[in-house]
Amino acid sequence: MDVRELPVADAYEFVPPVFPDRRGLFVAPFQEPAFLRAVGHPLSVAQTNHSVSHAGVVRGVHFADTPPGQAKYVYCPRGALLDVVVDVRVGSPTFGRHAAVRLDSTDFRGVYLAEGLGHAFLALEDDTVLAYLCSTGYNPTAEHGVHPRDPALGLPWPADTDPVLSDKDAAAPTLAEAREAGILPRYEDCLARYDALRAAYAPSGA
């Protein structure tokens, strides 16, 4: 499995080998050895999510209070989408930047985003499925959003697309408003969380 660190710190793209034959294909979208080499600790999966979206639907930008935060490993088992990671961690050297990766059911690429990072995607085809491995369960009081069409973010949605948003996402604040409201994660808290996860793994990994 090939791994590439994305331009947003603490986010990675994973590219697994795909094995087609006369029956169909086989692929392992998540592989722990490659994940450990890249991230330095295992992914503890507390919840799996499965979303189905029509073409033109945008979900996000979503993030969670950190600690504990919610790390996500996502891949697309059906259809195609543009997956976007946004650095919403105040104090991060890549604050406000984003990275975009096409995920589809041809290459089965995966994207990992650590706790504190924001996540959004645009479905490029009808009946597009996104599968999520989440490090923590759903906690509505700890989850927040930033508007996916915030001009300051400049997210790479196609110019000819009028995104379909949920009411909650349509009412989300801009990045500047979210920062002013004090709901964005702090980079130093996120780093402490990553260090704690690596330290907890180190004795068994030594």
N, C-alpha and C. Protein backbone atom coordinates (compact mmCIF):
# COMPACT_ATOMS: atom_id res chain seq x y z
N MET A 1 0.84 -1.20 0.00
CA MET A 1 0.00 0.00 0.00
C MET A 1 0.87 1.25 0.00
N ASP A 2 0.60 2.15 -0.92
CA ASP A 2 1.34 3.41 -0.98
C ASP A 2 0.68 4.43 -0.05
N VAL A 3 1.50 5.26 0.57
CA VAL A 3 1.01 6.28 1.51
C VAL A 3 1.61 7.62 1.15
N ARG A 4 0.79 8.66 1.20
CA ARG A 4 1.27 10.01 0.92
C ARG A 4 0.72 10.96 1.97
N GLU A 5 1.62 11.74 2.60
CA GLU A 5 1.14 12.76 3.51
C GLU A 5 0.57 13.91 2.70
N LEU A 6 -0.58 14.40 3.10
CA LEU A 6 -1.25 15.47 2.37
C LEU A 6 -0.69 16.83 2.77
N PRO A 7 -0.98 17.87 1.99
CA PRO A 7 -0.48 19.21 2.34
C PRO A 7 -0.99 19.75 3.67
N VAL A 8 -2.06 19.19 4.18
CA VAL A 8 -2.53 19.51 5.54
C VAL A 8 -1.86 18.55 6.50
N ALA A 9 -1.16 19.09 7.50
CA ALA A 9 -0.43 18.24 8.44
C ALA A 9 -1.37 17.28 9.15
N ASP A 10 -0.90 16.04 9.35
CA ASP A 10 -1.62 15.00 10.08
C ASP A 10 -2.80 14.42 9.30
N ALA A 11 -2.72 14.53 7.98
CA ALA A 11 -3.70 13.88 7.09
C ALA A 11 -2.91 13.11 6.03
N TYR A 12 -3.42 11.93 5.66
CA TYR A 12 -2.70 11.04 4.77
C TYR A 12 -3.64 10.42 3.74
N GLU A 13 -3.08 10.13 2.57
CA GLU A 13 -3.78 9.38 1.53
C GLU A 13 -3.16 7.98 1.46
N PHE A 14 -4.01 6.97 1.40
CA PHE A 14 -3.57 5.58 1.31
C PHE A 14 -4.08 4.98 -0.01
N VAL A 15 -3.19 4.34 -0.76
CA VAL A 15 -3.54 3.77 -2.06
C VAL A 15 -3.27 2.27 -2.03
N PRO A 16 -4.32 1.46 -1.90
CA PRO A 16 -4.12 0.01 -1.81
C PRO A 16 -4.02 -0.62 -3.20
N PRO A 17 -3.35 -1.76 -3.32
CA PRO A 17 -3.39 -2.49 -4.58
C PRO A 17 -4.78 -3.09 -4.78
N VAL A 18 -5.24 -3.08 -6.03
CA VAL A 18 -6.54 -3.65 -6.38
C VAL A 18 -6.29 -4.88 -7.24
N PHE A 19 -6.98 -5.98 -6.94
CA PHE A 19 -6.75 -7.25 -7.64
C PHE A 19 -8.02 -7.67 -8.38
N PRO A 20 -8.13 -7.29 -9.66
CA PRO A 20 -9.31 -7.71 -10.44
C PRO A 20 -9.08 -9.10 -11.05
N ASP A 21 -10.16 -9.83 -11.21
CA ASP A 21 -10.11 -11.09 -11.96
C ASP A 21 -11.47 -11.32 -12.59
N ARG A 22 -11.67 -12.49 -13.18
CA ARG A 22 -12.92 -12.75 -13.91
C ARG A 22 -14.15 -12.75 -12.99
N ARG A 23 -13.95 -12.87 -11.68
CA ARG A 23 -15.07 -12.86 -10.73
C ARG A 23 -15.46 -11.45 -10.31
N GLY A 24 -14.52 -10.49 -10.43
CA GLY A 24 -14.74 -9.14 -9.94
C GLY A 24 -13.43 -8.55 -9.48
N LEU A 25 -13.33 -8.19 -8.21
CA LEU A 25 -12.07 -7.67 -7.68
C LEU A 25 -12.00 -7.88 -6.19
N PHE A 26 -10.78 -7.72 -5.68
CA PHE A 26 -10.54 -7.76 -4.23
C PHE A 26 -9.62 -6.61 -3.89
N VAL A 27 -9.92 -5.94 -2.77
CA VAL A 27 -9.08 -4.83 -2.31
C VAL A 27 -9.23 -4.72 -0.80
N ALA A 28 -8.16 -4.31 -0.13
CA ALA A 28 -8.18 -4.05 1.31
C ALA A 28 -7.97 -2.56 1.52
N PRO A 29 -9.04 -1.76 1.62
CA PRO A 29 -8.89 -0.31 1.70
C PRO A 29 -8.16 0.18 2.96
N PHE A 30 -8.26 -0.56 4.06
CA PHE A 30 -7.53 -0.20 5.28
C PHE A 30 -6.60 -1.34 5.64
N GLN A 31 -5.32 -0.99 5.88
CA GLN A 31 -4.32 -2.00 6.25
C GLN A 31 -3.51 -1.43 7.42
N GLU A 32 -3.61 -2.08 8.57
CA GLU A 32 -3.00 -1.53 9.78
C GLU A 32 -1.49 -1.33 9.69
N PRO A 33 -0.71 -2.25 9.10
CA PRO A 33 0.74 -2.01 9.06
C PRO A 33 1.11 -0.70 8.37
N ALA A 34 0.47 -0.40 7.25
CA ALA A 34 0.74 0.85 6.56
C ALA A 34 0.29 2.04 7.39
N PHE A 35 -0.85 1.89 8.05
CA PHE A 35 -1.36 2.97 8.90
C PHE A 35 -0.39 3.25 10.04
N LEU A 36 0.10 2.20 10.70
CA LEU A 36 1.03 2.38 11.81
C LEU A 36 2.30 3.09 11.38
N ARG A 37 2.82 2.70 10.23
CA ARG A 37 4.05 3.35 9.74
C ARG A 37 3.84 4.83 9.51
N ALA A 38 2.68 5.21 9.02
CA ALA A 38 2.41 6.61 8.70
C ALA A 38 2.08 7.44 9.93
N VAL A 39 1.23 6.91 10.79
CA VAL A 39 0.64 7.70 11.87
C VAL A 39 1.34 7.50 13.20
N GLY A 40 1.85 6.29 13.44
CA GLY A 40 2.59 6.05 14.67
C GLY A 40 1.79 5.45 15.80
N HIS A 41 0.51 5.19 15.57
CA HIS A 41 -0.33 4.51 16.56
C HIS A 41 -1.48 3.84 15.83
N PRO A 42 -2.11 2.84 16.44
CA PRO A 42 -3.23 2.18 15.77
C PRO A 42 -4.46 3.09 15.68
N LEU A 43 -5.36 2.73 14.79
CA LEU A 43 -6.65 3.40 14.72
C LEU A 43 -7.64 2.62 15.57
N SER A 44 -8.08 3.23 16.65
CA SER A 44 -9.10 2.60 17.49
C SER A 44 -10.47 2.94 16.90
N VAL A 45 -11.20 1.93 16.47
CA VAL A 45 -12.48 2.16 15.80
C VAL A 45 -13.61 1.99 16.81
N ALA A 46 -14.29 3.09 17.10
CA ALA A 46 -15.42 3.07 18.02
C ALA A 46 -16.75 3.05 17.29
N GLN A 47 -16.74 3.46 16.01
CA GLN A 47 -17.99 3.53 15.25
C GLN A 47 -17.65 3.52 13.78
N THR A 48 -18.49 2.85 12.99
CA THR A 48 -18.38 2.93 11.53
C THR A 48 -19.62 3.64 11.01
N ASN A 49 -19.42 4.52 10.05
CA ASN A 49 -20.52 5.26 9.42
C ASN A 49 -20.59 4.93 7.94
N HIS A 50 -21.78 5.08 7.39
CA HIS A 50 -22.03 4.75 5.98
C HIS A 50 -23.02 5.79 5.46
N SER A 51 -22.58 6.61 4.50
CA SER A 51 -23.49 7.61 3.93
C SER A 51 -23.68 7.35 2.45
N VAL A 52 -24.89 7.64 1.97
CA VAL A 52 -25.22 7.53 0.55
C VAL A 52 -25.68 8.92 0.10
N SER A 53 -25.10 9.41 -0.99
CA SER A 53 -25.38 10.78 -1.43
C SER A 53 -25.67 10.85 -2.92
N HIS A 54 -26.57 11.75 -3.28
CA HIS A 54 -26.82 12.05 -4.69
C HIS A 54 -25.69 12.92 -5.23
N ALA A 55 -25.53 12.94 -6.53
CA ALA A 55 -24.54 13.82 -7.16
C ALA A 55 -24.84 15.26 -6.78
N GLY A 56 -23.80 16.00 -6.43
CA GLY A 56 -23.95 17.40 -6.06
C GLY A 56 -24.14 17.65 -4.59
N VAL A 57 -24.29 16.60 -3.80
CA VAL A 57 -24.43 16.77 -2.35
C VAL A 57 -23.06 17.05 -1.74
N VAL A 58 -23.01 18.05 -0.88
CA VAL A 58 -21.81 18.33 -0.08
C VAL A 58 -22.14 18.09 1.38
N ARG A 59 -21.30 17.33 2.06
CA ARG A 59 -21.43 17.11 3.49
C ARG A 59 -20.19 17.70 4.17
N GLY A 60 -20.41 18.51 5.19
CA GLY A 60 -19.28 19.14 5.87
C GLY A 60 -19.30 20.64 5.66
N VAL A 61 -18.33 21.30 6.27
CA VAL A 61 -17.09 20.85 6.89
C VAL A 61 -17.36 20.52 8.35
N HIS A 62 -17.08 19.28 8.77
CA HIS A 62 -17.38 18.84 10.12
C HIS A 62 -16.10 18.57 10.90
N PHE A 63 -16.16 18.85 12.21
CA PHE A 63 -15.03 18.55 13.11
C PHE A 63 -15.59 18.40 14.52
N ALA A 64 -14.76 17.87 15.43
CA ALA A 64 -15.21 17.62 16.79
C ALA A 64 -14.26 18.25 17.79
N ASP A 65 -14.81 18.56 18.98
CA ASP A 65 -13.98 19.07 20.07
C ASP A 65 -12.83 18.12 20.35
N THR A 66 -11.64 18.69 20.56
CA THR A 66 -10.46 17.89 20.87
C THR A 66 -9.78 18.46 22.11
N PRO A 67 -9.51 17.63 23.13
CA PRO A 67 -9.77 16.19 23.19
C PRO A 67 -11.24 15.87 23.47
N PRO A 68 -11.68 14.60 23.18
CA PRO A 68 -10.86 13.58 22.54
C PRO A 68 -10.79 13.72 21.02
N GLY A 69 -11.73 14.47 20.43
CA GLY A 69 -11.75 14.58 18.97
C GLY A 69 -12.27 13.31 18.33
N GLN A 70 -12.35 13.36 17.00
CA GLN A 70 -12.74 12.17 16.25
C GLN A 70 -11.89 12.07 14.99
N ALA A 71 -10.96 11.12 14.99
CA ALA A 71 -10.19 10.84 13.78
C ALA A 71 -11.04 10.00 12.84
N LYS A 72 -10.81 10.14 11.55
CA LYS A 72 -11.60 9.39 10.56
C LYS A 72 -10.69 8.80 9.49
N TYR A 73 -11.01 7.57 9.11
CA TYR A 73 -10.40 6.94 7.93
C TYR A 73 -11.56 6.66 7.00
N VAL A 74 -11.53 7.27 5.81
CA VAL A 74 -12.67 7.20 4.90
C VAL A 74 -12.25 6.64 3.55
N TYR A 75 -13.18 5.92 2.92
CA TYR A 75 -12.97 5.45 1.55
C TYR A 75 -14.33 5.31 0.87
N CYS A 76 -14.31 5.17 -0.43
CA CYS A 76 -15.54 5.17 -1.23
C CYS A 76 -15.75 3.79 -1.87
N PRO A 77 -16.66 2.97 -1.34
CA PRO A 77 -16.90 1.66 -1.93
C PRO A 77 -17.84 1.66 -3.13
N ARG A 78 -18.52 2.79 -3.38
CA ARG A 78 -19.39 2.88 -4.56
C ARG A 78 -19.47 4.33 -5.01
N GLY A 79 -19.34 4.53 -6.33
CA GLY A 79 -19.46 5.87 -6.88
C GLY A 79 -18.15 6.62 -6.88
N ALA A 80 -18.23 7.94 -6.74
CA ALA A 80 -17.03 8.78 -6.75
C ALA A 80 -17.33 10.08 -6.01
N LEU A 81 -16.30 10.61 -5.37
CA LEU A 81 -16.48 11.85 -4.61
C LEU A 81 -15.16 12.60 -4.53
N LEU A 82 -15.26 13.88 -4.22
CA LEU A 82 -14.10 14.71 -3.94
C LEU A 82 -14.03 14.89 -2.44
N ASP A 83 -13.02 14.30 -1.82
CA ASP A 83 -12.88 14.35 -0.38
C ASP A 83 -11.94 15.48 0.01
N VAL A 84 -12.32 16.26 1.01
CA VAL A 84 -11.56 17.46 1.37
C VAL A 84 -11.27 17.47 2.87
N VAL A 85 -10.01 17.66 3.20
CA VAL A 85 -9.57 17.84 4.59
C VAL A 85 -9.23 19.32 4.78
N VAL A 86 -9.74 19.91 5.86
CA VAL A 86 -9.53 21.34 6.14
C VAL A 86 -8.87 21.47 7.51
N ASP A 87 -7.80 22.23 7.59
CA ASP A 87 -7.14 22.44 8.87
C ASP A 87 -7.84 23.58 9.61
N VAL A 88 -8.62 23.22 10.63
CA VAL A 88 -9.34 24.21 11.43
C VAL A 88 -8.73 24.35 12.82
N ARG A 89 -7.51 23.83 13.00
CA ARG A 89 -6.84 23.88 14.31
C ARG A 89 -6.13 25.22 14.49
N VAL A 90 -6.62 26.01 15.43
CA VAL A 90 -6.05 27.33 15.67
C VAL A 90 -4.61 27.18 16.16
N GLY A 91 -3.69 27.84 15.46
CA GLY A 91 -2.28 27.76 15.80
C GLY A 91 -1.50 26.80 14.93
N SER A 92 -2.18 26.03 14.11
CA SER A 92 -1.49 25.10 13.22
C SER A 92 -0.76 25.85 12.11
N PRO A 93 0.42 25.35 11.70
CA PRO A 93 1.12 26.00 10.59
C PRO A 93 0.36 25.89 9.27
N THR A 94 -0.61 24.96 9.19
CA THR A 94 -1.41 24.86 7.96
C THR A 94 -2.86 25.29 8.22
N PHE A 95 -3.09 26.13 9.23
CA PHE A 95 -4.44 26.59 9.54
C PHE A 95 -5.09 27.24 8.33
N GLY A 96 -6.33 26.83 8.04
CA GLY A 96 -7.08 27.40 6.93
C GLY A 96 -6.81 26.74 5.60
N ARG A 97 -5.80 25.90 5.52
CA ARG A 97 -5.50 25.22 4.25
C ARG A 97 -6.36 23.97 4.09
N HIS A 98 -6.45 23.50 2.87
CA HIS A 98 -7.19 22.28 2.61
C HIS A 98 -6.40 21.37 1.67
N ALA A 99 -6.80 20.11 1.63
CA ALA A 99 -6.25 19.13 0.69
C ALA A 99 -7.41 18.33 0.15
N ALA A 100 -7.40 18.05 -1.15
CA ALA A 100 -8.51 17.34 -1.79
C ALA A 100 -7.99 16.09 -2.49
N VAL A 101 -8.75 15.00 -2.36
CA VAL A 101 -8.40 13.73 -2.97
C VAL A 101 -9.66 13.14 -3.58
N ARG A 102 -9.57 12.67 -4.82
CA ARG A 102 -10.70 11.95 -5.42
C ARG A 102 -10.72 10.52 -4.86
N LEU A 103 -11.85 10.15 -4.29
CA LEU A 103 -12.07 8.79 -3.81
C LEU A 103 -13.15 8.14 -4.68
N ASP A 104 -12.91 6.90 -5.09
CA ASP A 104 -13.89 6.23 -5.93
C ASP A 104 -13.80 4.73 -5.78
N SER A 105 -14.70 4.03 -6.48
CA SER A 105 -14.76 2.58 -6.40
C SER A 105 -13.96 1.92 -7.51
N THR A 106 -12.97 2.66 -8.03
CA THR A 106 -12.01 2.09 -8.98
C THR A 106 -10.66 1.89 -8.30
N ASP A 107 -10.18 2.95 -7.63
CA ASP A 107 -8.87 2.89 -6.97
C ASP A 107 -8.98 2.56 -5.48
N PHE A 108 -10.14 2.83 -4.86
CA PHE A 108 -10.36 2.55 -3.44
C PHE A 108 -9.33 3.23 -2.54
N ARG A 109 -8.93 4.44 -2.91
CA ARG A 109 -8.03 5.21 -2.06
C ARG A 109 -8.73 5.53 -0.74
N GLY A 110 -7.94 5.65 0.31
CA GLY A 110 -8.47 6.06 1.61
C GLY A 110 -7.81 7.34 2.06
N VAL A 111 -8.50 8.08 2.90
CA VAL A 111 -7.95 9.30 3.50
C VAL A 111 -8.11 9.20 5.02
N TYR A 112 -7.03 9.50 5.72
CA TYR A 112 -7.06 9.58 7.17
C TYR A 112 -6.89 11.02 7.59
N LEU A 113 -7.74 11.49 8.50
CA LEU A 113 -7.57 12.82 9.08
C LEU A 113 -7.59 12.67 10.59
N ALA A 114 -6.56 13.23 11.22
CA ALA A 114 -6.41 13.12 12.66
C ALA A 114 -7.43 13.98 13.40
N GLU A 115 -7.51 13.77 14.70
CA GLU A 115 -8.42 14.53 15.55
C GLU A 115 -8.17 16.04 15.37
N GLY A 116 -9.26 16.79 15.30
CA GLY A 116 -9.17 18.24 15.20
C GLY A 116 -9.25 18.78 13.79
N LEU A 117 -9.06 17.93 12.79
CA LEU A 117 -9.15 18.38 11.40
C LEU A 117 -10.61 18.36 10.93
N GLY A 118 -10.92 19.24 9.98
CA GLY A 118 -12.25 19.30 9.41
C GLY A 118 -12.37 18.42 8.18
N HIS A 119 -13.59 17.91 7.93
CA HIS A 119 -13.81 17.00 6.81
C HIS A 119 -15.05 17.39 6.04
N ALA A 120 -14.95 17.31 4.71
CA ALA A 120 -16.09 17.56 3.83
C ALA A 120 -15.90 16.75 2.56
N PHE A 121 -17.00 16.53 1.84
CA PHE A 121 -16.86 15.91 0.52
C PHE A 121 -18.02 16.29 -0.37
N LEU A 122 -17.77 16.18 -1.66
CA LEU A 122 -18.77 16.42 -2.70
C LEU A 122 -18.98 15.13 -3.47
N ALA A 123 -20.22 14.63 -3.52
CA ALA A 123 -20.53 13.45 -4.31
C ALA A 123 -20.54 13.81 -5.80
N LEU A 124 -19.80 13.06 -6.59
CA LEU A 124 -19.68 13.32 -8.02
C LEU A 124 -20.65 12.48 -8.85
N GLU A 125 -21.23 11.45 -8.24
CA GLU A 125 -22.17 10.57 -8.93
C GLU A 125 -23.33 10.27 -8.00
N ASP A 126 -24.47 9.91 -8.57
CA ASP A 126 -25.59 9.47 -7.75
C ASP A 126 -25.24 8.17 -7.02
N ASP A 127 -25.86 7.97 -5.87
CA ASP A 127 -25.68 6.76 -5.06
C ASP A 127 -24.22 6.55 -4.67
N THR A 128 -23.52 7.64 -4.44
CA THR A 128 -22.14 7.53 -3.96
C THR A 128 -22.13 7.20 -2.48
N VAL A 129 -21.31 6.22 -2.12
CA VAL A 129 -21.21 5.77 -0.74
C VAL A 129 -19.86 6.18 -0.16
N LEU A 130 -19.88 6.71 1.04
CA LEU A 130 -18.65 6.94 1.79
C LEU A 130 -18.70 6.10 3.05
N ALA A 131 -17.64 5.32 3.27
CA ALA A 131 -17.52 4.51 4.48
C ALA A 131 -16.50 5.18 5.40
N TYR A 132 -16.85 5.28 6.68
CA TYR A 132 -16.01 5.96 7.67
C TYR A 132 -15.65 4.97 8.79
N LEU A 133 -14.38 4.95 9.17
CA LEU A 133 -13.95 4.32 10.41
C LEU A 133 -13.64 5.46 11.37
N CYS A 134 -14.34 5.53 12.49
CA CYS A 134 -14.24 6.68 13.40
C CYS A 134 -13.65 6.25 14.73
N SER A 135 -12.76 7.08 15.27
CA SER A 135 -12.06 6.73 16.50
C SER A 135 -12.93 6.92 17.74
N THR A 136 -13.98 7.72 17.65
CA THR A 136 -14.91 7.92 18.76
C THR A 136 -16.33 7.87 18.21
N GLY A 137 -17.29 7.64 19.09
CA GLY A 137 -18.68 7.59 18.67
C GLY A 137 -19.28 8.97 18.49
N TYR A 138 -20.49 8.99 17.97
CA TYR A 138 -21.19 10.24 17.72
C TYR A 138 -21.53 10.94 19.03
N ASN A 139 -21.16 12.21 19.12
CA ASN A 139 -21.45 13.02 20.29
C ASN A 139 -21.94 14.38 19.79
N PRO A 140 -23.26 14.56 19.69
CA PRO A 140 -23.78 15.79 19.07
C PRO A 140 -23.37 17.07 19.76
N THR A 141 -23.12 17.02 21.07
CA THR A 141 -22.74 18.24 21.78
C THR A 141 -21.30 18.65 21.50
N ALA A 142 -20.49 17.73 20.94
CA ALA A 142 -19.08 18.02 20.70
C ALA A 142 -18.77 18.23 19.22
N GLU A 143 -19.78 18.14 18.37
CA GLU A 143 -19.55 18.23 16.93
C GLU A 143 -19.97 19.60 16.40
N HIS A 144 -19.16 20.12 15.47
CA HIS A 144 -19.36 21.46 14.94
C HIS A 144 -19.12 21.47 13.43
N GLY A 145 -19.37 22.61 12.83
CA GLY A 145 -19.15 22.73 11.40
C GLY A 145 -18.72 24.13 11.00
N VAL A 146 -18.11 24.19 9.83
CA VAL A 146 -17.78 25.45 9.16
C VAL A 146 -18.44 25.40 7.78
N HIS A 147 -18.92 26.53 7.31
CA HIS A 147 -19.65 26.56 6.04
C HIS A 147 -18.74 26.11 4.89
N PRO A 148 -19.18 25.13 4.10
CA PRO A 148 -18.33 24.62 3.01
C PRO A 148 -18.12 25.61 1.87
N ARG A 149 -18.90 26.68 1.83
CA ARG A 149 -18.72 27.68 0.78
C ARG A 149 -18.14 28.99 1.32
N ASP A 150 -17.51 28.90 2.47
CA ASP A 150 -16.81 30.06 3.02
C ASP A 150 -15.75 30.52 2.01
N PRO A 151 -15.86 31.74 1.48
CA PRO A 151 -14.89 32.19 0.47
C PRO A 151 -13.46 32.17 0.97
N ALA A 152 -13.27 32.36 2.28
CA ALA A 152 -11.91 32.38 2.82
C ALA A 152 -11.24 31.02 2.72
N LEU A 153 -12.04 29.95 2.73
CA LEU A 153 -11.48 28.61 2.60
C LEU A 153 -11.14 28.29 1.15
N GLY A 154 -11.98 28.75 0.23
CA GLY A 154 -11.72 28.50 -1.20
C GLY A 154 -11.69 27.02 -1.53
N LEU A 155 -12.63 26.26 -1.00
CA LEU A 155 -12.63 24.82 -1.25
C LEU A 155 -12.93 24.53 -2.72
N PRO A 156 -12.36 23.45 -3.25
CA PRO A 156 -12.35 23.25 -4.71
C PRO A 156 -13.61 22.63 -5.28
N TRP A 157 -14.77 23.16 -4.91
CA TRP A 157 -16.00 22.67 -5.52
C TRP A 157 -16.07 23.17 -6.96
N PRO A 158 -16.49 22.36 -7.91
CA PRO A 158 -16.57 22.81 -9.31
C PRO A 158 -17.44 24.05 -9.45
N ALA A 159 -17.01 24.96 -10.32
CA ALA A 159 -17.73 26.23 -10.47
C ALA A 159 -19.14 26.03 -11.00
N ASP A 160 -19.37 24.95 -11.75
CA ASP A 160 -20.70 24.73 -12.34
C ASP A 160 -21.61 23.93 -11.42
N THR A 161 -21.20 23.73 -10.17
CA THR A 161 -21.99 22.95 -9.21
C THR A 161 -22.63 23.86 -8.17
N ASP A 162 -23.92 23.66 -7.94
CA ASP A 162 -24.62 24.35 -6.86
C ASP A 162 -24.84 23.31 -5.77
N PRO A 163 -23.95 23.25 -4.77
CA PRO A 163 -23.99 22.15 -3.81
C PRO A 163 -25.31 22.04 -3.07
N VAL A 164 -25.73 20.81 -2.83
CA VAL A 164 -26.90 20.52 -2.02
C VAL A 164 -26.41 20.31 -0.59
N LEU A 165 -26.88 21.16 0.34
CA LEU A 165 -26.41 21.13 1.73
C LEU A 165 -27.56 20.78 2.67
N SER A 166 -27.22 20.20 3.79
CA SER A 166 -28.20 20.05 4.86
C SER A 166 -28.51 21.42 5.46
N ASP A 167 -29.61 21.53 6.16
CA ASP A 167 -29.95 22.81 6.80
C ASP A 167 -28.85 23.20 7.79
N LYS A 168 -28.33 22.21 8.51
CA LYS A 168 -27.28 22.49 9.50
C LYS A 168 -26.02 23.01 8.84
N ASP A 169 -25.60 22.40 7.74
CA ASP A 169 -24.38 22.85 7.06
C ASP A 169 -24.59 24.22 6.42
N ALA A 170 -25.80 24.46 5.90
CA ALA A 170 -26.08 25.75 5.27
C ALA A 170 -26.05 26.89 6.29
N ALA A 171 -26.33 26.57 7.55
CA ALA A 171 -26.35 27.60 8.60
C ALA A 171 -25.03 27.68 9.36
N ALA A 172 -24.03 26.89 8.97
CA ALA A 172 -22.76 26.86 9.70
C ALA A 172 -22.02 28.19 9.57
N PRO A 173 -21.22 28.54 10.55
CA PRO A 173 -20.46 29.80 10.49
C PRO A 173 -19.29 29.71 9.53
N THR A 174 -18.75 30.85 9.18
CA THR A 174 -17.49 30.87 8.44
C THR A 174 -16.35 30.47 9.38
N LEU A 175 -15.18 30.23 8.81
CA LEU A 175 -14.03 29.89 9.65
C LEU A 175 -13.73 31.02 10.63
N ALA A 176 -13.78 32.26 10.16
CA ALA A 176 -13.51 33.40 11.04
C ALA A 176 -14.54 33.50 12.15
N GLU A 177 -15.82 33.28 11.84
CA GLU A 177 -16.88 33.33 12.86
C GLU A 177 -16.71 32.20 13.87
N ALA A 178 -16.34 31.00 13.39
CA ALA A 178 -16.13 29.88 14.29
C ALA A 178 -14.95 30.14 15.22
N ARG A 179 -13.92 30.78 14.69
CA ARG A 179 -12.77 31.11 15.53
C ARG A 179 -13.16 32.14 16.58
N GLU A 180 -13.90 33.14 16.17
CA GLU A 180 -14.34 34.18 17.10
C GLU A 180 -15.23 33.58 18.20
N ALA A 181 -16.03 32.57 17.85
CA ALA A 181 -16.93 31.93 18.82
C ALA A 181 -16.20 30.97 19.74
N GLY A 182 -14.95 30.68 19.43
CA GLY A 182 -14.15 29.81 20.29
C GLY A 182 -14.47 28.33 20.16
N ILE A 183 -15.02 27.91 19.01
CA ILE A 183 -15.40 26.50 18.85
C ILE A 183 -14.37 25.69 18.08
N LEU A 184 -13.34 26.34 17.55
CA LEU A 184 -12.33 25.61 16.80
C LEU A 184 -11.35 24.91 17.74
N PRO A 185 -10.85 23.73 17.34
CA PRO A 185 -9.83 23.06 18.16
C PRO A 185 -8.54 23.87 18.21
N ARG A 186 -7.81 23.73 19.30
CA ARG A 186 -6.50 24.36 19.42
C ARG A 186 -5.42 23.37 19.00
N TYR A 187 -4.48 23.85 18.22
CA TYR A 187 -3.42 22.98 17.70
C TYR A 187 -2.65 22.30 18.82
N GLU A 188 -2.36 23.05 19.88
CA GLU A 188 -1.58 22.47 20.98
C GLU A 188 -2.33 21.33 21.66
N ASP A 189 -3.67 21.44 21.75
CA ASP A 189 -4.46 20.36 22.33
C ASP A 189 -4.45 19.12 21.43
N CYS A 190 -4.49 19.38 20.11
CA CYS A 190 -4.45 18.28 19.15
C CYS A 190 -3.11 17.56 19.21
N LEU A 191 -2.02 18.32 19.26
CA LEU A 191 -0.70 17.69 19.35
C LEU A 191 -0.57 16.85 20.62
N ALA A 192 -1.11 17.36 21.72
CA ALA A 192 -1.07 16.59 22.97
C ALA A 192 -1.85 15.30 22.82
N ARG A 193 -2.96 15.35 22.12
CA ARG A 193 -3.76 14.14 21.89
C ARG A 193 -2.98 13.13 21.05
N TYR A 194 -2.33 13.60 19.97
CA TYR A 194 -1.55 12.68 19.13
C TYR A 194 -0.40 12.06 19.93
N ASP A 195 0.27 12.88 20.72
CA ASP A 195 1.38 12.37 21.54
C ASP A 195 0.90 11.31 22.52
N ALA A 196 -0.26 11.54 23.12
CA ALA A 196 -0.80 10.57 24.08
C ALA A 196 -1.14 9.26 23.40
N LEU A 197 -1.68 9.31 22.20
CA LEU A 197 -2.01 8.09 21.46
C LEU A 197 -0.75 7.31 21.09
N ARG A 198 0.29 8.03 20.68
CA ARG A 198 1.55 7.35 20.33
C ARG A 198 2.21 6.78 21.58
N ALA A 199 2.16 7.51 22.69
CA ALA A 199 2.77 7.04 23.93
C ALA A 199 2.06 5.79 24.45
N ALA A 200 0.75 5.76 24.29
CA ALA A 200 -0.01 4.60 24.75
C ALA A 200 0.34 3.36 23.95
N TYR A 201 0.70 3.56 22.68
CA TYR A 201 1.04 2.43 21.81
C TYR A 201 2.50 2.00 21.98
N ALA A 202 3.36 2.92 22.37
CA ALA A 202 4.82 2.66 22.37
C ALA A 202 5.24 1.42 23.15
N PRO A 203 4.69 1.15 24.36
CA PRO A 203 5.16 -0.03 25.11
C PRO A 203 4.93 -1.33 24.35
N SER A 204 3.76 -1.48 23.68
CA SER A 204 3.49 -2.70 22.94
C SER A 204 4.20 -2.72 21.61
N GLY A 205 4.54 -1.52 21.11
CA GLY A 205 5.20 -1.47 19.82
C GLY A 205 6.70 -1.49 19.91
N ALA A 206 7.25 -1.40 21.13
CA ALA A 206 8.70 -1.37 21.31
C ALA A 206 9.33 -2.73 21.03
